[in-house]
C-alpha atoms as a PDB file:
ATOM      1  CA  MET A   1     213.625 129.929  53.434  1.00  0.00           C
ATOM      2  CA  ALA A   2     216.380 127.331  53.771  1.00  0.00           C
ATOM      3  CA  GLU A   3     216.886 125.488  57.037  1.00  0.00           C
ATOM      4  CA  GLY A   4     219.075 127.456  59.437  1.00  0.00           C
ATOM      5  CA  VAL A   5     219.075 130.697  57.435  1.00  0.00           C
ATOM      6  CA  VAL A   6     218.999 133.719  59.737  1.00  0.00           C
ATOM      7  CA  SER A   7     215.905 135.867  59.214  1.00  0.00           C
ATOM      8  CA  LEU A   8     216.730 139.507  58.415  1.00  0.00           C
ATOM      9  CA  THR A   9     214.791 142.572  57.364  1.00  0.00           C
ATOM     10  CA  SER A  10     215.778 144.123  54.029  1.00  0.00           C
ATOM     11  CA  GLN A  11     217.539 146.907  55.927  1.00  0.00           C
ATOM     12  CA  GLU A  12     219.460 144.473  58.124  1.00  0.00           C
ATOM     13  CA  ALA A  13     220.422 142.468  55.038  1.00  0.00           C
ATOM     14  CA  VAL A  14     222.071 145.488  53.412  1.00  0.00           C
ATOM     15  CA  ILE A  15     223.882 146.338  56.651  1.00  0.00           C
ATOM     16  CA  TYR A  16     225.112 142.745  56.928  1.00  0.00           C
ATOM     17  CA  LEU A  17     226.401 142.859  53.355  1.00  0.00           C
ATOM     18  CA  MET A  18     228.180 146.177  53.961  1.00  0.00           C
ATOM     19  CA  VAL A  19     229.796 144.933  57.188  1.00  0.00           C
ATOM     20  CA  MET A  20     230.769 141.592  55.645  1.00  0.00           C
ATOM     21  CA  THR A  21     232.366 143.209  52.607  1.00  0.00           C
ATOM     22  CA  SER A  22     234.164 145.782  54.702  1.00  0.00           C
ATOM     23  CA  ALA A  23     235.568 143.108  57.025  1.00  0.00           C
ATOM     24  CA  SER A  24     236.520 140.704  54.226  1.00  0.00           C
ATOM     25  CA  ASP A  25     240.033 142.149  53.926  1.00  0.00           C
ATOM     26  CA  GLY A  26     240.654 141.580  57.645  1.00  0.00           C
ATOM     27  CA  SER A  27     239.741 145.014  58.986  1.00  0.00           C
ATOM     28  CA  ILE A  28     237.064 147.660  58.873  1.00  0.00           C
ATOM     29  CA  THR A  29     238.544 151.119  58.310  1.00  0.00           C
ATOM     30  CA  ASP A  30     237.193 154.335  59.792  1.00  0.00           C
ATOM     31  CA  GLY A  31     236.299 155.459  56.268  1.00  0.00           C
ATOM     32  CA  GLU A  32     234.286 152.292  55.710  1.00  0.00           C
ATOM     33  CA  LEU A  33     232.476 152.752  59.040  1.00  0.00           C
ATOM     34  CA  ARG A  34     231.659 156.363  58.175  1.00  0.00           C
ATOM     35  CA  THR A  35     230.369 155.253  54.777  1.00  0.00           C
ATOM     36  CA  ILE A  36     228.121 152.596  56.340  1.00  0.00           C
ATOM     37  CA  GLY A  37     226.670 155.310  58.582  1.00  0.00           C
ATOM     38  CA  ARG A  38     226.239 157.672  55.624  1.00  0.00           C
ATOM     39  CA  VAL A  39     224.452 154.980  53.593  1.00  0.00           C
ATOM     40  CA  VAL A  40     222.064 154.301  56.481  1.00  0.00           C
ATOM     41  CA  ARG A  41     221.390 158.042  56.868  1.00  0.00           C
ATOM     42  CA  SER A  42     220.981 158.792  53.163  1.00  0.00           C
ATOM     43  CA  PHE A  43     219.537 155.810  51.247  1.00  0.00           C
ATOM     44  CA  PRO A  44     215.722 156.025  51.069  1.00  0.00           C
ATOM     45  CA  MET A  45     215.370 152.333  51.976  1.00  0.00           C
ATOM     46  CA  PHE A  46     216.645 153.242  55.449  1.00  0.00           C
ATOM     47  CA  SER A  47     214.295 156.207  55.969  1.00  0.00           C
ATOM     48  CA  ASP A  48     212.492 154.495  58.840  1.00  0.00           C
ATOM     49  CA  ALA A  49     215.554 152.672  60.204  1.00  0.00           C
ATOM     50  CA  ASP A  50     216.842 153.193  63.708  1.00  0.00           C
ATOM     51  CA  GLU A  51     220.399 154.415  63.206  1.00  0.00           C
ATOM     52  CA  GLN A  52     221.136 153.577  66.844  1.00  0.00           C
ATOM     53  CA  ALA A  53     220.529 149.894  66.054  1.00  0.00           C
ATOM     54  CA  LEU A  54     223.370 149.991  63.512  1.00  0.00           C
ATOM     55  CA  VAL A  55     226.006 148.944  66.071  1.00  0.00           C
ATOM     56  CA  GLU A  56     223.841 146.093  67.352  1.00  0.00           C
ATOM     57  CA  THR A  57     223.116 144.903  63.801  1.00  0.00           C
ATOM     58  CA  SER A  58     226.817 145.119  62.885  1.00  0.00           C
ATOM     59  CA  GLU A  59     227.780 143.095  65.959  1.00  0.00           C
ATOM     60  CA  ALA A  60     225.165 140.447  65.123  1.00  0.00           C
ATOM     61  CA  CYS A  61     226.630 140.263  61.615  1.00  0.00           C
ATOM     62  CA  GLY A  62     230.131 139.833  63.053  1.00  0.00           C
ATOM     63  CA  LYS A  63     228.905 136.996  65.249  1.00  0.00           C
ATOM     64  CA  LEU A  64     227.275 135.259  62.270  1.00  0.00           C
ATOM     65  CA  MET A  65     230.389 135.773  60.137  1.00  0.00           C
ATOM     66  CA  ALA A  66     232.547 134.189  62.870  1.00  0.00           C
ATOM     67  CA  SER A  67     230.419 131.035  62.828  1.00  0.00           C
ATOM     68  CA  ASP A  68     231.224 128.028  60.664  1.00  0.00           C
ATOM     69  CA  GLY A  69     230.468 128.971  57.025  1.00  0.00           C
ATOM     70  CA  GLY A  70     229.653 132.509  58.168  1.00  0.00           C
ATOM     71  CA  LEU A  71     230.268 134.249  54.834  1.00  0.00           C
ATOM     72  CA  HIS A  72     227.800 131.982  53.065  1.00  0.00           C
ATOM     73  CA  LYS A  73     225.299 132.285  55.915  1.00  0.00           C
ATOM     74  CA  VAL A  74     225.361 136.088  55.540  1.00  0.00           C
ATOM     75  CA  LEU A  75     224.968 135.813  51.766  1.00  0.00           C
ATOM     76  CA  GLU A  76     222.057 133.358  52.061  1.00  0.00           C
ATOM     77  CA  ALA A  77     220.291 135.416  54.740  1.00  0.00           C
ATOM     78  CA  ALA A  78     220.678 138.622  52.714  1.00  0.00           C
ATOM     79  CA  ALA A  79     219.470 136.996  49.505  1.00  0.00           C
ATOM     80  CA  ALA A  80     216.425 135.588  51.326  1.00  0.00           C
ATOM     81  CA  ALA A  81     215.608 138.984  52.885  1.00  0.00           C
ATOM     82  CA  LEU A  82     216.018 141.228  49.843  1.00  0.00           C
ATOM     83  CA  PRO A  83     213.268 141.493  47.246  1.00  0.00           C
ATOM     84  CA  SER A  84     214.631 141.484  43.689  1.00  0.00           C
ATOM     85  CA  HIS A  85     213.966 145.207  43.176  1.00  0.00           C
ATOM     86  CA  LEU A  86     216.474 146.016  45.966  1.00  0.00           C
ATOM     87  CA  GLY A  87     219.357 143.959  44.541  1.00  0.00           C
ATOM     88  CA  GLU A  88     221.019 146.873  42.764  1.00  0.00           C
ATOM     89  CA  THR A  89     220.368 149.165  45.748  1.00  0.00           C
ATOM     90  CA  ALA A  90     222.107 146.698  48.067  1.00  0.00           C
ATOM     91  CA  TYR A  91     224.981 146.298  45.619  1.00  0.00           C
ATOM     92  CA  ALA A  92     225.355 150.099  45.376  1.00  0.00           C
ATOM     93  CA  ALA A  93     225.559 150.341  49.175  1.00  0.00           C
ATOM     94  CA  VAL A  94     228.221 147.620  49.308  1.00  0.00           C
ATOM     95  CA  VAL A  95     230.270 149.187  46.495  1.00  0.00           C
ATOM     96  CA  ASP A  96     230.127 152.569  48.258  1.00  0.00           C
ATOM     97  CA  VAL A  97     231.563 151.008  51.407  1.00  0.00           C
ATOM     98  CA  VAL A  98     234.248 148.933  49.724  1.00  0.00           C
ATOM     99  CA  THR A  99     235.503 151.896  47.674  1.00  0.00           C
ATOM    100  CA  ALA A 100     235.582 154.210  50.714  1.00  0.00           C
ATOM    101  CA  ASP A 101     239.168 153.304  51.619  1.00  0.00           C
ATOM    102  CA  GLU A 102     240.417 153.754  48.027  1.00  0.00           C
ATOM    103  CA  ASN A 103     242.073 150.348  48.134  1.00  0.00           C
ATOM    104  CA  LEU A 104     240.325 147.279  46.720  1.00  0.00           C
ATOM    105  CA  ASP A 105     241.757 144.093  48.132  1.00  0.00           C
ATOM    106  CA  PRO A 106     241.430 140.884  46.024  1.00  0.00           C
ATOM    107  CA  THR A 107     239.267 139.382  48.790  1.00  0.00           C
ATOM    108  CA  GLU A 108     236.910 142.366  48.634  1.00  0.00           C
ATOM    109  CA  ILE A 109     236.658 141.988  44.858  1.00  0.00           C
ATOM    110  CA  ARG A 110     235.751 138.304  45.276  1.00  0.00           C
ATOM    111  CA  VAL A 111     233.101 139.152  47.893  1.00  0.00           C
ATOM    112  CA  LEU A 112     231.647 141.775  45.542  1.00  0.00           C
ATOM    113  CA  GLU A 113     231.370 139.080  42.858  1.00  0.00           C
ATOM    114  CA  LEU A 114     229.605 136.737  45.288  1.00  0.00           C
ATOM    115  CA  ILE A 115     227.156 139.472  46.287  1.00  0.00           C
ATOM    116  CA  ARG A 116     226.513 140.465  42.680  1.00  0.00           C
ATOM    117  CA  ASN A 117     225.795 136.835  41.810  1.00  0.00           C
ATOM    118  CA  ILE A 118     223.568 136.002  44.780  1.00  0.00           C
ATOM    119  CA  LEU A 119     221.544 139.222  44.286  1.00  0.00           C
ATOM    120  CA  LYS A 120     221.393 138.608  40.519  1.00  0.00           C
ATOM    121  CA  VAL A 121     222.713 142.088  39.655  1.00  0.00           C
ATOM    122  CA  PRO A 122     223.255 142.152  35.870  1.00  0.00           C
ATOM    123  CA  ASP A 123     226.760 142.929  34.598  1.00  0.00           C
ATOM    124  CA  ASP A 124     225.727 146.225  33.016  1.00  0.00           C
ATOM    125  CA  GLY A 125     224.044 147.334  36.242  1.00  0.00           C
ATOM    126  CA  ALA A 126     227.078 146.333  38.309  1.00  0.00           C
ATOM    127  CA  GLN A 127     229.447 148.200  35.975  1.00  0.00           C
ATOM    128  CA  ALA A 128     227.332 151.363  36.150  1.00  0.00           C
ATOM    129  CA  ILE A 129     227.194 151.176  39.958  1.00  0.00           C
ATOM    130  CA  GLU A 130     230.961 150.642  40.194  1.00  0.00           C
ATOM    131  CA  HIS A 131     231.637 153.520  37.783  1.00  0.00           C
ATOM    132  CA  ALA A 132     229.356 155.856  39.759  1.00  0.00           C
ATOM    133  CA  ALA A 133     231.099 154.892  43.029  1.00  0.00           C
ATOM    134  CA  ARG A 134     234.516 155.691  41.556  1.00  0.00           C
ATOM    135  CA  ALA A 135     233.189 159.054  40.374  1.00  0.00           C
ATOM    136  CA  ARG A 136     231.737 159.830  43.839  1.00  0.00           C
ATOM    137  CA  HIS A 137     235.058 159.114  45.554  1.00  0.00           C
ATOM    138  CA  MET A 138     237.172 161.208  43.169  1.00  0.00           C
ATOM    139  CA  THR A 139     238.869 164.215  44.794  1.00  0.00           C
ATOM    140  CA  VAL A 140     239.875 167.603  43.443  1.00  0.00           C
ATOM    141  CA  ASP A 141     243.484 166.481  43.011  1.00  0.00           C
ATOM    142  CA  GLY A 142     242.371 163.460  40.971  1.00  0.00           C
ATOM    143  CA  VAL A 143     242.927 160.879  43.699  1.00  0.00           C
ATOM    144  CA  GLY A 144     240.156 158.452  44.447  1.00  0.00           C
END
């Protein structure tokens, strides 16, 4: 692990990535917060996670992000914590959160690219994940 990289569990790494992406446009919406909670409750990788620790983990992420070079510190810590077989799972969690508010900001798109690159998610995998997220957020009246 590189000097100064924060040590995270795989679960914390995904939470950090979700919080970082959500906050990248300057705010975290209620929909994004609800989606982070839903991901933690529903993704099998979180089956033994303490949902109560979510707030504490999110606050720790915010503190790291506020530090000098915080975005890159979060990316490095997450990449170091996540085994390669969880790269697409982490990317799916992040895409779910960022599409929750139905409004992709250019900054969020750039952060998604950084995450996809650092986790080595192949283009075809990323496209399938993004397509599935759009389908999940579609509503009866065709908005989503």
